[in-house]
Amino acid sequence: MSDFKRLSDSLSVSAQLSPDDLKAAATAGFKSIINNRPDQESADQPSSDSMANLALSLGMSYIHQPIVSGQISEENINDFAALIADSETPILAFCRTGTRCTHLWALSNAKGNDLSDIAASAAAAGYDISGLMPRLQQRKEG
């Protein structure tokens, strides 16, 4: 069973969800699911199509935004921010470990927010984003 880790009032993240985890997310009140994992990244993960069908049957929206680990582009960040802004909350985003989703969230929130607050929220959820600080600073200033 995946552990849903809260980053903000509207967004939590998780490692790879199973169908049972998706049911638990619906029971926990999540309204939207964002999958940041490419299909077939590992042999044991359910397909995004099967997870989308299950999410929809449980009354949640499901968005597949596949991003290769370690290759988050500026376009990916902007798209993620738009997905967060346009999706019904609360939102649960998942990838292999939750790190990719956390990095997307942090990078999409760098402008106009205190980076130490972002890092503290990530740390409270169990994610160390200290290695991301130079890029966060660049986005904040840009």
C-alpha atoms as a PDB file:
ATOM      1  CA  MET A   1       0.000   0.000   0.000  1.00  0.00           C
ATOM      2  CA  SER A   2       1.463   3.328  -1.038  1.00  0.00           C
ATOM      3  CA  ASP A   3       1.942   6.144   1.401  1.00  0.00           C
ATOM      4  CA  PHE A   4       0.339   9.428   0.317  1.00  0.00           C
ATOM      5  CA  LYS A   5       2.704  12.285   1.234  1.00  0.00           C
ATOM      6  CA  ARG A   6       1.277  15.799   1.460  1.00  0.00           C
ATOM      7  CA  LEU A   7       3.261  18.621  -0.181  1.00  0.00           C
ATOM      8  CA  SER A   8       0.565  21.312  -0.067  1.00  0.00           C
ATOM      9  CA  ASP A   9      -3.119  21.769   0.655  1.00  0.00           C
ATOM     10  CA  SER A  10      -3.932  20.682  -2.880  1.00  0.00           C
ATOM     11  CA  LEU A  11      -1.205  18.136  -3.744  1.00  0.00           C
ATOM     12  CA  SER A  12       0.122  14.904  -2.322  1.00  0.00           C
ATOM     13  CA  VAL A  13       2.603  12.533  -3.952  1.00  0.00           C
ATOM     14  CA  SER A  14       3.194   8.819  -3.876  1.00  0.00           C
ATOM     15  CA  ALA A  15       5.341   6.020  -5.188  1.00  0.00           C
ATOM     16  CA  GLN A  16       3.849   3.776  -7.880  1.00  0.00           C
ATOM     17  CA  LEU A  17       0.186   3.117  -7.199  1.00  0.00           C
ATOM     18  CA  SER A  18      -1.411  -0.300  -7.423  1.00  0.00           C
ATOM     19  CA  PRO A  19      -5.109  -0.714  -8.218  1.00  0.00           C
ATOM     20  CA  ASP A  20      -5.743  -1.129  -4.458  1.00  0.00           C
ATOM     21  CA  ASP A  21      -3.822   2.101  -3.791  1.00  0.00           C
ATOM     22  CA  LEU A  22      -6.021   3.872  -6.329  1.00  0.00           C
ATOM     23  CA  LYS A  23      -9.088   2.635  -4.459  1.00  0.00           C
ATOM     24  CA  ALA A  24      -7.539   3.888  -1.195  1.00  0.00           C
ATOM     25  CA  ALA A  25      -6.895   7.280  -2.837  1.00  0.00           C
ATOM     26  CA  ALA A  26     -10.564   7.528  -3.809  1.00  0.00           C
ATOM     27  CA  THR A  27     -11.594   6.594  -0.269  1.00  0.00           C
ATOM     28  CA  ALA A  28      -9.166   9.231   1.082  1.00  0.00           C
ATOM     29  CA  GLY A  29     -10.980  11.863  -0.983  1.00  0.00           C
ATOM     30  CA  PHE A  30      -8.560  12.524  -3.833  1.00  0.00           C
ATOM     31  CA  LYS A  31     -10.343  13.962  -6.869  1.00  0.00           C
ATOM     32  CA  SER A  32      -7.528  13.914  -9.446  1.00  0.00           C
ATOM     33  CA  ILE A  33      -4.637  11.550 -10.190  1.00  0.00           C
ATOM     34  CA  ILE A  34      -1.531  12.584 -12.141  1.00  0.00           C
ATOM     35  CA  ASN A  35       0.765   9.808 -13.348  1.00  0.00           C
ATOM     36  CA  ASN A  36       4.263  11.120 -14.111  1.00  0.00           C
ATOM     37  CA  ARG A  37       5.657   7.709 -14.980  1.00  0.00           C
ATOM     38  CA  PRO A  38       6.142   6.501 -18.566  1.00  0.00           C
ATOM     39  CA  ASP A  39       4.414   3.206 -19.338  1.00  0.00           C
ATOM     40  CA  GLN A  40       6.718   0.180 -19.143  1.00  0.00           C
ATOM     41  CA  GLU A  41       9.331   2.023 -17.090  1.00  0.00           C
ATOM     42  CA  SER A  42       9.403  -1.249 -15.154  1.00  0.00           C
ATOM     43  CA  ALA A  43       7.789  -4.578 -15.918  1.00  0.00           C
ATOM     44  CA  ASP A  44       5.704  -4.672 -12.738  1.00  0.00           C
ATOM     45  CA  GLN A  45       3.800  -1.397 -13.111  1.00  0.00           C
ATOM     46  CA  PRO A  46       0.157  -1.305 -14.229  1.00  0.00           C
ATOM     47  CA  SER A  47      -0.511   0.412 -17.567  1.00  0.00           C
ATOM     48  CA  SER A  48      -1.687   4.001 -17.508  1.00  0.00           C
ATOM     49  CA  ASP A  49      -4.771   2.971 -19.511  1.00  0.00           C
ATOM     50  CA  SER A  50      -5.845   0.398 -16.915  1.00  0.00           C
ATOM     51  CA  MET A  51      -5.209   2.857 -14.085  1.00  0.00           C
ATOM     52  CA  ALA A  52      -7.107   5.607 -15.933  1.00  0.00           C
ATOM     53  CA  ASN A  53     -10.119   3.322 -16.401  1.00  0.00           C
ATOM     54  CA  LEU A  54     -10.093   2.393 -12.719  1.00  0.00           C
ATOM     55  CA  ALA A  55      -9.679   6.027 -11.586  1.00  0.00           C
ATOM     56  CA  LEU A  56     -12.599   7.111 -13.761  1.00  0.00           C
ATOM     57  CA  SER A  57     -14.773   4.283 -12.407  1.00  0.00           C
ATOM     58  CA  LEU A  58     -13.933   5.531  -8.898  1.00  0.00           C
ATOM     59  CA  GLY A  59     -14.998   9.098  -9.758  1.00  0.00           C
ATOM     60  CA  MET A  60     -11.530  10.600 -10.105  1.00  0.00           C
ATOM     61  CA  SER A  61      -9.948  12.308 -13.094  1.00  0.00           C
ATOM     62  CA  TYR A  62      -6.716  10.764 -14.376  1.00  0.00           C
ATOM     63  CA  ILE A  63      -3.941  12.524 -16.292  1.00  0.00           C
ATOM     64  CA  HIS A  64      -0.891  10.781 -17.725  1.00  0.00           C
ATOM     65  CA  GLN A  65       2.084  13.145 -18.010  1.00  0.00           C
ATOM     66  CA  PRO A  66       4.979  10.740 -18.604  1.00  0.00           C
ATOM     67  CA  ILE A  67       8.380  12.162 -17.715  1.00  0.00           C
ATOM     68  CA  VAL A  68      11.665  10.271 -17.925  1.00  0.00           C
ATOM     69  CA  SER A  69      13.425  10.267 -14.566  1.00  0.00           C
ATOM     70  CA  GLY A  70      16.185  12.865 -14.391  1.00  0.00           C
ATOM     71  CA  GLN A  71      15.033  14.615 -17.568  1.00  0.00           C
ATOM     72  CA  ILE A  72      12.539  17.234 -16.379  1.00  0.00           C
ATOM     73  CA  SER A  73      12.305  19.980 -18.992  1.00  0.00           C
ATOM     74  CA  GLU A  74      10.991  23.514 -18.629  1.00  0.00           C
ATOM     75  CA  GLU A  75       7.994  22.451 -20.725  1.00  0.00           C
ATOM     76  CA  ASN A  76       7.335  19.556 -18.311  1.00  0.00           C
ATOM     77  CA  ILE A  77       7.387  21.988 -15.364  1.00  0.00           C
ATOM     78  CA  ASN A  78       5.017  24.438 -17.041  1.00  0.00           C
ATOM     79  CA  ASP A  79       2.683  21.622 -18.113  1.00  0.00           C
ATOM     80  CA  PHE A  80       2.646  20.205 -14.569  1.00  0.00           C
ATOM     81  CA  ALA A  81       1.816  23.638 -13.140  1.00  0.00           C
ATOM     82  CA  ALA A  82      -1.074  23.938 -15.603  1.00  0.00           C
ATOM     83  CA  LEU A  83      -2.332  20.460 -14.686  1.00  0.00           C
ATOM     84  CA  ILE A  84      -2.280  21.375 -10.993  1.00  0.00           C
ATOM     85  CA  ALA A  85      -4.096  24.641 -11.682  1.00  0.00           C
ATOM     86  CA  ASP A  86      -6.750  22.970 -13.858  1.00  0.00           C
ATOM     87  CA  SER A  87      -7.401  19.794 -11.844  1.00  0.00           C
ATOM     88  CA  GLU A  88      -9.952  19.289  -9.120  1.00  0.00           C
ATOM     89  CA  THR A  89      -8.301  19.074  -5.704  1.00  0.00           C
ATOM     90  CA  PRO A  90      -7.034  17.333  -3.760  1.00  0.00           C
ATOM     91  CA  ILE A  91      -4.636  15.862  -6.291  1.00  0.00           C
ATOM     92  CA  LEU A  92      -2.426  12.794  -5.930  1.00  0.00           C
ATOM     93  CA  ALA A  93       0.581  12.629  -8.269  1.00  0.00           C
ATOM     94  CA  PHE A  94       2.696   9.511  -8.532  1.00  0.00           C
ATOM     95  CA  CYS A  95       5.832   8.143 -10.181  1.00  0.00           C
ATOM     96  CA  ARG A  96       8.265   5.363  -9.217  1.00  0.00           C
ATOM     97  CA  THR A  97       9.177   6.823  -5.789  1.00  0.00           C
ATOM     98  CA  GLY A  98       7.386  10.187  -5.661  1.00  0.00           C
ATOM     99  CA  THR A  99      10.623  12.101  -6.202  1.00  0.00           C
ATOM    100  CA  ARG A 100       9.920  13.104  -9.815  1.00  0.00           C
ATOM    101  CA  CYS A 101       6.510  14.477  -8.796  1.00  0.00           C
ATOM    102  CA  THR A 102       8.064  16.329  -5.862  1.00  0.00           C
ATOM    103  CA  HIS A 103      10.690  17.879  -8.146  1.00  0.00           C
ATOM    104  CA  LEU A 104       7.992  18.951 -10.624  1.00  0.00           C
ATOM    105  CA  TRP A 105       5.972  20.521  -7.801  1.00  0.00           C
ATOM    106  CA  ALA A 106       9.000  22.320  -6.336  1.00  0.00           C
ATOM    107  CA  LEU A 107      10.166  23.648  -9.702  1.00  0.00           C
ATOM    108  CA  SER A 108       6.676  24.776 -10.677  1.00  0.00           C
ATOM    109  CA  ASN A 109       6.371  26.694  -7.402  1.00  0.00           C
ATOM    110  CA  ALA A 110       9.809  28.347  -7.361  1.00  0.00           C
ATOM    111  CA  LYS A 111       8.603  31.664  -8.765  1.00  0.00           C
ATOM    112  CA  GLY A 112       6.926  33.797  -6.130  1.00  0.00           C
ATOM    113  CA  ASN A 113       7.515  31.410  -3.226  1.00  0.00           C
ATOM    114  CA  ASP A 114      10.137  31.052  -0.530  1.00  0.00           C
ATOM    115  CA  LEU A 115      12.508  28.251  -1.541  1.00  0.00           C
ATOM    116  CA  SER A 116      13.153  27.303   2.078  1.00  0.00           C
ATOM    117  CA  ASP A 117       9.397  26.771   2.540  1.00  0.00           C
ATOM    118  CA  ILE A 118       9.327  24.564  -0.549  1.00  0.00           C
ATOM    119  CA  ALA A 119      12.314  22.564   0.720  1.00  0.00           C
ATOM    120  CA  ALA A 120      10.719  22.235   4.162  1.00  0.00           C
ATOM    121  CA  SER A 121       7.452  20.927   2.691  1.00  0.00           C
ATOM    122  CA  ALA A 122       9.361  18.410   0.587  1.00  0.00           C
ATOM    123  CA  ALA A 123      11.459  17.334   3.595  1.00  0.00           C
ATOM    124  CA  ALA A 124       8.355  16.918   5.754  1.00  0.00           C
ATOM    125  CA  ALA A 125       7.055  14.537   3.069  1.00  0.00           C
ATOM    126  CA  GLY A 126      10.358  12.631   3.108  1.00  0.00           C
ATOM    127  CA  TYR A 127      12.037  14.133   0.032  1.00  0.00           C
ATOM    128  CA  ASP A 128      15.422  15.897   0.095  1.00  0.00           C
ATOM    129  CA  ILE A 129      15.484  18.468  -2.710  1.00  0.00           C
ATOM    130  CA  SER A 130      18.733  20.162  -1.687  1.00  0.00           C
ATOM    131  CA  GLY A 131      20.369  19.010  -4.935  1.00  0.00           C
ATOM    132  CA  LEU A 132      17.644  20.844  -6.848  1.00  0.00           C
ATOM    133  CA  MET A 133      18.364  24.212  -5.182  1.00  0.00           C
ATOM    134  CA  PRO A 134      20.487  25.704  -7.997  1.00  0.00           C
ATOM    135  CA  ARG A 135      17.716  25.028 -10.515  1.00  0.00           C
ATOM    136  CA  LEU A 136      15.053  26.269  -8.099  1.00  0.00           C
ATOM    137  CA  GLN A 137      17.026  29.491  -7.590  1.00  0.00           C
ATOM    138  CA  GLN A 138      17.403  29.900 -11.355  1.00  0.00           C
ATOM    139  CA  ARG A 139      13.640  29.501 -11.867  1.00  0.00           C
ATOM    140  CA  LYS A 140      12.893  31.876  -9.000  1.00  0.00           C
ATOM    141  CA  GLU A 141      15.100  34.568 -10.545  1.00  0.00           C
ATOM    142  CA  GLY A 142      14.035  33.871 -14.136  1.00  0.00           C
END
